[in-house]
């Protein structure tokens, strides 16, 4: 089995899609989205991490698990929304 080049690996990960050249305006919009969603994710983490820590401190594994799952789900939702909005920008 031959080793693959970085280019071949990147092509596989992208599903063979060609890279799209972004305009300056598109790059700026995507950077703004990154800033906005980074802040939203940080807010969710700031809200839920103290609750997770409190549940751990009480020794309640069920509550801890639920809160950790909620945190993961909320962060994943925000990341998915970010990627969806970036895809809209990429498509024009």
PDB file of N, CA and C in Angstrom:
ATOM      1  N   UNK A   1       0.856  -1.173   0.000  1.00  0.00           N
ATOM      2  CA  UNK A   1       0.000   0.000   0.000  1.00  0.00           C
ATOM      3  C   UNK A   1       0.903   1.238   0.000  1.00  0.00           C
ATOM      4  N   UNK A   2       0.662   2.109  -0.944  1.00  0.00           N
ATOM      5  CA  UNK A   2       1.478   3.312  -1.075  1.00  0.00           C
ATOM      6  C   UNK A   2       0.948   4.418  -0.173  1.00  0.00           C
ATOM      7  N   UNK A   3       1.848   5.233   0.294  1.00  0.00           N
ATOM      8  CA  UNK A   3       1.442   6.384   1.103  1.00  0.00           C
ATOM      9  C   UNK A   3       0.832   7.439   0.200  1.00  0.00           C
ATOM     10  N   UNK A   4      -0.133   8.148   0.723  1.00  0.00           N
ATOM     11  CA  UNK A   4      -0.804   9.185  -0.050  1.00  0.00           C
ATOM     12  C   UNK A   4      -0.204  10.538   0.280  1.00  0.00           C
ATOM     13  N   UNK A   5      -0.190  11.386  -0.728  1.00  0.00           N
ATOM     14  CA  UNK A   5       0.316  12.738  -0.515  1.00  0.00           C
ATOM     15  C   UNK A   5      -0.732  13.559   0.228  1.00  0.00           C
ATOM     16  N   UNK A   6      -0.311  14.683   0.737  1.00  0.00           N
ATOM     17  CA  UNK A   6      -1.234  15.586   1.437  1.00  0.00           C
ATOM     18  C   UNK A   6      -2.351  16.013   0.505  1.00  0.00           C
ATOM     19  N   UNK A   7      -2.004  16.253  -0.737  1.00  0.00           N
ATOM     20  CA  UNK A   7      -2.993  16.672  -1.727  1.00  0.00           C
ATOM     21  C   UNK A   7      -4.052  15.590  -1.917  1.00  0.00           C
ATOM     22  N   UNK A   8      -3.625  14.325  -2.034  1.00  0.00           N
ATOM     23  CA  UNK A   8      -4.571  13.220  -2.216  1.00  0.00           C
ATOM     24  C   UNK A   8      -5.480  13.066  -0.991  1.00  0.00           C
ATOM     25  N   UNK A   9      -4.902  13.212   0.182  1.00  0.00           N
ATOM     26  CA  UNK A   9      -5.705  13.114   1.401  1.00  0.00           C
ATOM     27  C   UNK A   9      -6.725  14.246   1.482  1.00  0.00           C
ATOM     28  N   UNK A  10      -6.303  15.456   1.136  1.00  0.00           N
ATOM     29  CA  UNK A  10      -7.220  16.594   1.162  1.00  0.00           C
ATOM     30  C   UNK A  10      -8.323  16.414   0.144  1.00  0.00           C
ATOM     31  N   UNK A  11      -7.986  15.880  -1.018  1.00  0.00           N
ATOM     32  CA  UNK A  11      -8.986  15.636  -2.063  1.00  0.00           C
ATOM     33  C   UNK A  11     -10.014  14.620  -1.587  1.00  0.00           C
ATOM     34  N   UNK A  12      -9.567  13.578  -0.898  1.00  0.00           N
ATOM     35  CA  UNK A  12     -10.487  12.584  -0.348  1.00  0.00           C
ATOM     36  C   UNK A  12     -11.431  13.204   0.671  1.00  0.00           C
ATOM     37  N   UNK A  13     -10.874  14.025   1.572  1.00  0.00           N
ATOM     38  CA  UNK A  13     -11.691  14.643   2.618  1.00  0.00           C
ATOM     39  C   UNK A  13     -12.722  15.584   2.047  1.00  0.00           C
ATOM     40  N   UNK A  14     -12.387  16.245   0.955  1.00  0.00           N
ATOM     41  CA  UNK A  14     -13.330  17.198   0.366  1.00  0.00           C
ATOM     42  C   UNK A  14     -14.327  16.517  -0.547  1.00  0.00           C
ATOM     43  N   UNK A  15     -14.203  15.227  -0.711  1.00  0.00           N
ATOM     44  CA  UNK A  15     -15.125  14.512  -1.587  1.00  0.00           C
ATOM     45  C   UNK A  15     -14.846  14.785  -3.057  1.00  0.00           C
ATOM     46  N   UNK A  16     -13.648  15.228  -3.361  1.00  0.00           N
ATOM     47  CA  UNK A  16     -13.271  15.496  -4.736  1.00  0.00           C
ATOM     48  C   UNK A  16     -13.745  16.842  -5.245  1.00  0.00           C
ATOM     49  N   UNK A  17     -14.291  17.652  -4.361  1.00  0.00           N
ATOM     50  CA  UNK A  17     -14.785  18.963  -4.764  1.00  0.00           C
ATOM     51  C   UNK A  17     -13.623  19.900  -5.030  1.00  0.00           C
ATOM     52  N   UNK A  18     -13.803  20.744  -6.011  1.00  0.00           N
ATOM     53  CA  UNK A  18     -12.779  21.743  -6.293  1.00  0.00           C
ATOM     54  C   UNK A  18     -12.891  22.873  -5.284  1.00  0.00           C
ATOM     55  N   UNK A  19     -11.756  23.450  -4.980  1.00  0.00           N
ATOM     56  CA  UNK A  19     -11.738  24.575  -4.044  1.00  0.00           C
ATOM     57  C   UNK A  19     -12.379  25.790  -4.701  1.00  0.00           C
ATOM     58  N   UNK A  20     -13.192  26.492  -3.959  1.00  0.00           N
ATOM     59  CA  UNK A  20     -13.875  27.678  -4.457  1.00  0.00           C
ATOM     60  C   UNK A  20     -13.089  28.899  -4.015  1.00  0.00           C
ATOM     61  N   UNK A  21     -12.824  29.787  -4.944  1.00  0.00           N
ATOM     62  CA  UNK A  21     -12.142  31.032  -4.608  1.00  0.00           C
ATOM     63  C   UNK A  21     -13.169  31.984  -4.014  1.00  0.00           C
ATOM     64  N   UNK A  22     -12.862  32.507  -2.857  1.00  0.00           N
ATOM     65  CA  UNK A  22     -13.773  33.427  -2.181  1.00  0.00           C
ATOM     66  C   UNK A  22     -13.348  34.864  -2.450  1.00  0.00           C
ATOM     67  N   UNK A  23     -14.335  35.725  -2.548  1.00  0.00           N
ATOM     68  CA  UNK A  23     -14.051  37.146  -2.697  1.00  0.00           C
ATOM     69  C   UNK A  23     -13.698  37.717  -1.332  1.00  0.00           C
ATOM     70  N   UNK A  24     -13.170  38.912  -1.327  1.00  0.00           N
ATOM     71  CA  UNK A  24     -12.847  39.573  -0.072  1.00  0.00           C
ATOM     72  C   UNK A  24     -14.069  39.763   0.796  1.00  0.00           C
ATOM     73  N   UNK A  25     -15.183  40.088   0.160  1.00  0.00           N
ATOM     74  CA  UNK A  25     -16.437  40.283   0.898  1.00  0.00           C
ATOM     75  C   UNK A  25     -16.897  38.974   1.545  1.00  0.00           C
ATOM     76  N   UNK A  26     -16.786  37.864   0.809  1.00  0.00           N
ATOM     77  CA  UNK A  26     -17.181  36.576   1.357  1.00  0.00           C
ATOM     78  C   UNK A  26     -16.283  36.183   2.530  1.00  0.00           C
ATOM     79  N   UNK A  27     -14.993  36.443   2.382  1.00  0.00           N
ATOM     80  CA  UNK A  27     -14.061  36.136   3.471  1.00  0.00           C
ATOM     81  C   UNK A  27     -14.397  36.954   4.713  1.00  0.00           C
ATOM     82  N   UNK A  28     -14.744  38.217   4.503  1.00  0.00           N
ATOM     83  CA  UNK A  28     -15.089  39.079   5.632  1.00  0.00           C
ATOM     84  C   UNK A  28     -16.364  38.592   6.320  1.00  0.00           C
ATOM     85  N   UNK A  29     -17.361  38.184   5.517  1.00  0.00           N
ATOM     86  CA  UNK A  29     -18.608  37.671   6.098  1.00  0.00           C
ATOM     87  C   UNK A  29     -18.347  36.393   6.893  1.00  0.00           C
ATOM     88  N   UNK A  30     -17.487  35.531   6.358  1.00  0.00           N
ATOM     89  CA  UNK A  30     -17.193  34.281   7.050  1.00  0.00           C
ATOM     90  C   UNK A  30     -16.413  34.540   8.338  1.00  0.00           C
ATOM     91  N   UNK A  31     -15.520  35.501   8.306  1.00  0.00           N
ATOM     92  CA  UNK A  31     -14.778  35.857   9.514  1.00  0.00           C
ATOM     93  C   UNK A  31     -15.728  36.403  10.577  1.00  0.00           C
ATOM     94  N   UNK A  32     -16.696  37.210  10.153  1.00  0.00           N
ATOM     95  CA  UNK A  32     -17.685  37.745  11.092  1.00  0.00           C
ATOM     96  C   UNK A  32     -18.528  36.617  11.682  1.00  0.00           C
ATOM     97  N   UNK A  33     -18.920  35.662  10.846  1.00  0.00           N
ATOM     98  CA  UNK A  33     -19.673  34.509  11.346  1.00  0.00           C
ATOM     99  C   UNK A  33     -18.854  33.742  12.379  1.00  0.00           C
ATOM    100  N   UNK A  34     -17.566  33.554  12.094  1.00  0.00           N
ATOM    101  CA  UNK A  34     -16.696  32.862  13.057  1.00  0.00           C
ATOM    102  C   UNK A  34     -16.678  33.590  14.391  1.00  0.00           C
ATOM    103  N   UNK A  35     -16.567  34.907  14.343  1.00  0.00           N
ATOM    104  CA  UNK A  35     -16.547  35.687  15.594  1.00  0.00           C
ATOM    105  C   UNK A  35     -17.871  35.549  16.342  1.00  0.00           C
ATOM    106  N   UNK A  36     -18.975  35.676  15.612  1.00  0.00           N
ATOM    107  CA  UNK A  36     -20.297  35.602  16.242  1.00  0.00           C
ATOM    108  C   UNK A  36     -20.528  34.231  16.869  1.00  0.00           C
ATOM    109  N   UNK A  37     -20.227  33.178  16.118  1.00  0.00           N
ATOM    110  CA  UNK A  37     -20.503  31.839  16.636  1.00  0.00           C
ATOM    111  C   UNK A  37     -19.514  31.419  17.712  1.00  0.00           C
ATOM    112  N   UNK A  38     -18.297  31.924  17.659  1.00  0.00           N
ATOM    113  CA  UNK A  38     -17.350  31.659  18.745  1.00  0.00           C
ATOM    114  C   UNK A  38     -17.896  32.261  20.037  1.00  0.00           C
ATOM    115  N   UNK A  39     -18.458  33.451  19.940  1.00  0.00           N
ATOM    116  CA  UNK A  39     -19.048  34.103  21.115  1.00  0.00           C
ATOM    117  C   UNK A  39     -20.271  33.330  21.611  1.00  0.00           C
ATOM    118  N   UNK A  40     -21.107  32.858  20.685  1.00  0.00           N
ATOM    119  CA  UNK A  40     -22.299  32.102  21.088  1.00  0.00           C
ATOM    120  C   UNK A  40     -21.909  30.802  21.784  1.00  0.00           C
ATOM    121  N   UNK A  41     -20.912  30.115  21.239  1.00  0.00           N
ATOM    122  CA  UNK A  41     -20.457  28.866  21.842  1.00  0.00           C
ATOM    123  C   UNK A  41     -19.871  29.135  23.226  1.00  0.00           C
ATOM    124  N   UNK A  42     -19.100  30.196  23.334  1.00  0.00           N
ATOM    125  CA  UNK A  42     -18.521  30.557  24.637  1.00  0.00           C
ATOM    126  C   UNK A  42     -19.620  30.853  25.646  1.00  0.00           C
ATOM    127  N   UNK A  43     -20.684  31.518  25.214  1.00  0.00           N
ATOM    128  CA  UNK A  43     -21.787  31.834  26.124  1.00  0.00           C
ATOM    129  C   UNK A  43     -22.474  30.568  26.612  1.00  0.00           C
ATOM    130  N   UNK A  44     -22.709  29.631  25.702  1.00  0.00           N
ATOM    131  CA  UNK A  44     -23.324  28.358  26.090  1.00  0.00           C
ATOM    132  C   UNK A  44     -22.432  27.636  27.095  1.00  0.00           C
ATOM    133  N   UNK A  45     -21.124  27.624  26.814  1.00  0.00           N
ATOM    134  CA  UNK A  45     -20.202  26.961  27.735  1.00  0.00           C
ATOM    135  C   UNK A  45     -20.170  27.649  29.090  1.00  0.00           C
ATOM    136  N   UNK A  46     -20.191  28.975  29.088  1.00  0.00           N
ATOM    137  CA  UNK A  46     -20.200  29.710  30.363  1.00  0.00           C
ATOM    138  C   UNK A  46     -21.473  29.449  31.159  1.00  0.00           C
ATOM    139  N   UNK A  47     -22.579  29.255  30.453  1.00  0.00           N
ATOM    140  CA  UNK A  47     -23.842  28.986  31.137  1.00  0.00           C
ATOM    141  C   UNK A  47     -23.899  27.569  31.704  1.00  0.00           C
ATOM    142  N   UNK A  48     -23.408  26.594  30.936  1.00  0.00           N
ATOM    143  CA  UNK A  48     -23.606  25.200  31.327  1.00  0.00           C
ATOM    144  C   UNK A  48     -22.451  24.583  32.116  1.00  0.00           C
ATOM    145  N   UNK A  49     -21.226  25.020  31.908  1.00  0.00           N
ATOM    146  CA  UNK A  49     -20.113  24.390  32.615  1.00  0.00           C
ATOM    147  C   UNK A  49     -20.212  24.521  34.138  1.00  0.00           C
ATOM    148  N   UNK A  50     -20.638  25.651  34.673  1.00  0.00           N
ATOM    149  CA  UNK A  50     -20.800  25.701  36.135  1.00  0.00           C
ATOM    150  C   UNK A  50     -21.876  24.726  36.635  1.00  0.00           C
ATOM    151  N   UNK A  51     -22.912  24.526  35.839  1.00  0.00           N
ATOM    152  CA  UNK A  51     -23.958  23.577  36.226  1.00  0.00           C
ATOM    153  C   UNK A  51     -23.418  22.150  36.208  1.00  0.00           C
ATOM    154  N   UNK A  52     -22.583  21.838  35.201  1.00  0.00           N
ATOM    155  CA  UNK A  52     -21.955  20.515  35.128  1.00  0.00           C
ATOM    156  C   UNK A  52     -21.052  20.315  36.340  1.00  0.00           C
ATOM    157  N   UNK A  53     -20.265  21.325  36.660  1.00  0.00           N
ATOM    158  CA  UNK A  53     -19.362  21.231  37.818  1.00  0.00           C
ATOM    159  C   UNK A  53     -20.144  21.044  39.117  1.00  0.00           C
ATOM    160  N   UNK A  54     -21.262  21.742  39.244  1.00  0.00           N
ATOM    161  CA  UNK A  54     -22.083  21.610  40.453  1.00  0.00           C
ATOM    162  C   UNK A  54     -22.676  20.203  40.551  1.00  0.00           C
ATOM    163  N   UNK A  55     -23.110  19.666  39.412  1.00  0.00           N
ATOM    164  CA  UNK A  55     -23.667  18.313  39.415  1.00  0.00           C
ATOM    165  C   UNK A  55     -22.589  17.292  39.770  1.00  0.00           C
ATOM    166  N   UNK A  56     -21.382  17.504  39.260  1.00  0.00           N
ATOM    167  CA  UNK A  56     -20.266  16.610  39.615  1.00  0.00           C
ATOM    168  C   UNK A  56     -19.976  16.685  41.110  1.00  0.00           C
ATOM    169  N   UNK A  57     -20.015  17.901  41.653  1.00  0.00           N
ATOM    170  CA  UNK A  57     -19.711  18.099  43.073  1.00  0.00           C
ATOM    171  C   UNK A  57     -20.724  17.398  43.964  1.00  0.00           C
ATOM    172  N   UNK A  58     -21.968  17.328  43.516  1.00  0.00           N
ATOM    173  CA  UNK A  58     -22.987  16.644  44.312  1.00  0.00           C
ATOM    174  C   UNK A  58     -22.908  15.129  44.159  1.00  0.00           C
ATOM    175  N   UNK A  59     -22.111  14.668  43.175  1.00  0.00           N
ATOM    176  CA  UNK A  59     -21.954  13.228  42.980  1.00  0.00           C
ATOM    177  C   UNK A  59     -23.118  12.585  42.266  1.00  0.00           C
ATOM    178  N   UNK A  60     -23.858  13.370  41.491  1.00  0.00           N
ATOM    179  CA  UNK A  60     -25.016  12.847  40.765  1.00  0.00           C
ATOM    180  C   UNK A  60     -24.604  12.565  39.317  1.00  0.00           C
ATOM    181  N   UNK A  61     -24.245  11.313  39.010  1.00  0.00           N
ATOM    182  CA  UNK A  61     -23.766  11.009  37.661  1.00  0.00           C
ATOM    183  C   UNK A  61     -24.839  11.176  36.577  1.00  0.00           C
ATOM    184  N   UNK A  62     -26.099  10.935  36.934  1.00  0.00           N
ATOM    185  CA  UNK A  62     -27.174  11.072  35.952  1.00  0.00           C
ATOM    186  C   UNK A  62     -27.343  12.537  35.534  1.00  0.00           C
ATOM    187  N   UNK A  63     -27.389  13.423  36.502  1.00  0.00           N
ATOM    188  CA  UNK A  63     -27.528  14.852  36.203  1.00  0.00           C
ATOM    189  C   UNK A  63     -26.293  15.368  35.467  1.00  0.00           C
ATOM    190  N   UNK A  64     -25.129  14.911  35.892  1.00  0.00           N
ATOM    191  CA  UNK A  64     -23.890  15.317  35.226  1.00  0.00           C
ATOM    192  C   UNK A  64     -23.911  14.886  33.769  1.00  0.00           C
ATOM    193  N   UNK A  65     -24.297  13.651  33.533  1.00  0.00           N
ATOM    194  CA  UNK A  65     -24.359  13.126  32.162  1.00  0.00           C
ATOM    195  C   UNK A  65     -25.329  13.902  31.291  1.00  0.00           C
ATOM    196  N   UNK A  66     -26.489  14.214  31.847  1.00  0.00           N
ATOM    197  CA  UNK A  66     -27.494  14.968  31.090  1.00  0.00           C
ATOM    198  C   UNK A  66     -26.989  16.368  30.750  1.00  0.00           C
ATOM    199  N   UNK A  67     -26.374  17.018  31.708  1.00  0.00           N
ATOM    200  CA  UNK A  67     -25.857  18.367  31.468  1.00  0.00           C
ATOM    201  C   UNK A  67     -24.711  18.355  30.458  1.00  0.00           C
ATOM    202  N   UNK A  68     -23.826  17.360  30.570  1.00  0.00           N
ATOM    203  CA  UNK A  68     -22.732  17.256  29.605  1.00  0.00           C
ATOM    204  C   UNK A  68     -23.271  17.001  28.202  1.00  0.00           C
ATOM    205  N   UNK A  69     -24.285  16.160  28.108  1.00  0.00           N
ATOM    206  CA  UNK A  69     -24.895  15.881  26.807  1.00  0.00           C
ATOM    207  C   UNK A  69     -25.573  17.134  26.247  1.00  0.00           C
ATOM    208  N   UNK A  70     -26.247  17.877  27.095  1.00  0.00           N
ATOM    209  CA  UNK A  70     -26.873  19.124  26.679  1.00  0.00           C
ATOM    210  C   UNK A  70     -25.816  20.098  26.158  1.00  0.00           C
ATOM    211  N   UNK A  71     -24.724  20.197  26.873  1.00  0.00           N
ATOM    212  CA  UNK A  71     -23.632  21.086  26.453  1.00  0.00           C
ATOM    213  C   UNK A  71     -23.105  20.661  25.083  1.00  0.00           C
ATOM    214  N   UNK A  72     -22.816  19.378  24.923  1.00  0.00           N
ATOM    215  CA  UNK A  72     -22.317  18.884  23.624  1.00  0.00           C
ATOM    216  C   UNK A  72     -23.315  19.152  22.511  1.00  0.00           C
ATOM    217  N   UNK A  73     -24.588  18.888  22.770  1.00  0.00           N
ATOM    218  CA  UNK A  73     -25.616  19.083  21.743  1.00  0.00           C
ATOM    219  C   UNK A  73     -25.759  20.551  21.344  1.00  0.00           C
ATOM    220  N   UNK A  74     -25.749  21.428  22.336  1.00  0.00           N
ATOM    221  CA  UNK A  74     -25.894  22.860  22.043  1.00  0.00           C
ATOM    222  C   UNK A  74     -24.709  23.384  21.232  1.00  0.00           C
ATOM    223  N   UNK A  75     -23.506  22.969  21.623  1.00  0.00           N
ATOM    224  CA  UNK A  75     -22.317  23.405  20.884  1.00  0.00           C
ATOM    225  C   UNK A  75     -22.352  22.846  19.468  1.00  0.00           C
ATOM    226  N   UNK A  76     -22.756  21.591  19.312  1.00  0.00           N
ATOM    227  CA  UNK A  76     -22.818  20.989  17.981  1.00  0.00           C
ATOM    228  C   UNK A  76     -23.863  21.673  17.107  1.00  0.00           C
ATOM    229  N   UNK A  77     -25.004  22.027  17.689  1.00  0.00           N
ATOM    230  CA  UNK A  77     -26.034  22.759  16.935  1.00  0.00           C
ATOM    231  C   UNK A  77     -25.480  24.066  16.397  1.00  0.00           C
ATOM    232  N   UNK A  78     -24.769  24.794  17.260  1.00  0.00           N
ATOM    233  CA  UNK A  78     -24.197  26.071  16.835  1.00  0.00           C
ATOM    234  C   UNK A  78     -23.149  25.866  15.751  1.00  0.00           C
ATOM    235  N   UNK A  79     -22.323  24.845  15.883  1.00  0.00           N
ATOM    236  CA  UNK A  79     -21.314  24.570  14.845  1.00  0.00           C
ATOM    237  C   UNK A  79     -21.980  24.192  13.528  1.00  0.00           C
ATOM    238  N   UNK A  80     -23.055  23.423  13.594  1.00  0.00           N
ATOM    239  CA  UNK A  80     -23.778  23.053  12.374  1.00  0.00           C
ATOM    240  C   UNK A  80     -24.396  24.276  11.708  1.00  0.00           C
ATOM    241  N   UNK A  81     -24.974  25.171  12.524  1.00  0.00           N
ATOM    242  CA  UNK A  81     -25.549  26.407  11.972  1.00  0.00           C
ATOM    243  C   UNK A  81     -24.466  27.256  11.331  1.00  0.00           C
ATOM    244  N   UNK A  82     -23.303  27.327  11.970  1.00  0.00           N
ATOM    245  CA  UNK A  82     -22.186  28.085  11.421  1.00  0.00           C
ATOM    246  C   UNK A  82     -21.788  27.523  10.061  1.00  0.00           C
ATOM    247  N   UNK A  83     -21.629  26.219   9.974  1.00  0.00           N
ATOM    248  CA  UNK A  83     -21.240  25.607   8.701  1.00  0.00           C
ATOM    249  C   UNK A  83     -22.299  25.805   7.623  1.00  0.00           C
ATOM    250  N   UNK A  84     -23.580  25.745   8.006  1.00  0.00           N
ATOM    251  CA  UNK A  84     -24.665  25.971   7.043  1.00  0.00           C
ATOM    252  C   UNK A  84     -24.605  27.391   6.512  1.00  0.00           C
ATOM    253  N   UNK A  85     -24.371  28.344   7.389  1.00  0.00           N
ATOM    254  CA  UNK A  85     -24.298  29.746   6.945  1.00  0.00           C
ATOM    255  C   UNK A  85     -23.061  29.988   6.097  1.00  0.00           C
ATOM    256  N   UNK A  86     -21.956  29.322   6.433  1.00  0.00           N
ATOM    257  CA  UNK A  86     -20.753  29.454   5.610  1.00  0.00           C
ATOM    258  C   UNK A  86     -20.983  28.847   4.223  1.00  0.00           C
ATOM    259  N   UNK A  87     -21.702  27.733   4.165  1.00  0.00           N
ATOM    260  CA  UNK A  87     -22.006  27.115   2.870  1.00  0.00           C
ATOM    261  C   UNK A  87     -22.846  28.054   2.006  1.00  0.00           C
ATOM    262  N   UNK A  88     -23.801  28.746   2.625  1.00  0.00           N
ATOM    263  CA  UNK A  88     -24.607  29.722   1.873  1.00  0.00           C
ATOM    264  C   UNK A  88     -23.718  30.805   1.278  1.00  0.00           C
ATOM    265  N   UNK A  89     -22.761  31.267   2.053  1.00  0.00           N
ATOM    266  CA  UNK A  89     -21.865  32.311   1.576  1.00  0.00           C
ATOM    267  C   UNK A  89     -20.998  31.778   0.444  1.00  0.00           C
ATOM    268  N   UNK A  90     -20.496  30.566   0.582  1.00  0.00           N
ATOM    269  CA  UNK A  90     -19.645  29.959  -0.449  1.00  0.00           C
ATOM    270  C   UNK A  90     -20.409  29.807  -1.769  1.00  0.00           C
ATOM    271  N   UNK A  91     -21.687  29.485  -1.671  1.00  0.00           N
ATOM    272  CA  UNK A  91     -22.486  29.270  -2.872  1.00  0.00           C
ATOM    273  C   UNK A  91     -22.914  30.571  -3.538  1.00  0.00           C
ATOM    274  N   UNK A  92     -22.768  31.655  -2.824  1.00  0.00           N
ATOM    275  CA  UNK A  92     -23.091  32.950  -3.400  1.00  0.00           C
ATOM    276  C   UNK A  92     -24.405  33.374  -3.024  1.00  0.00           C
TER     277      UNK A  92
END
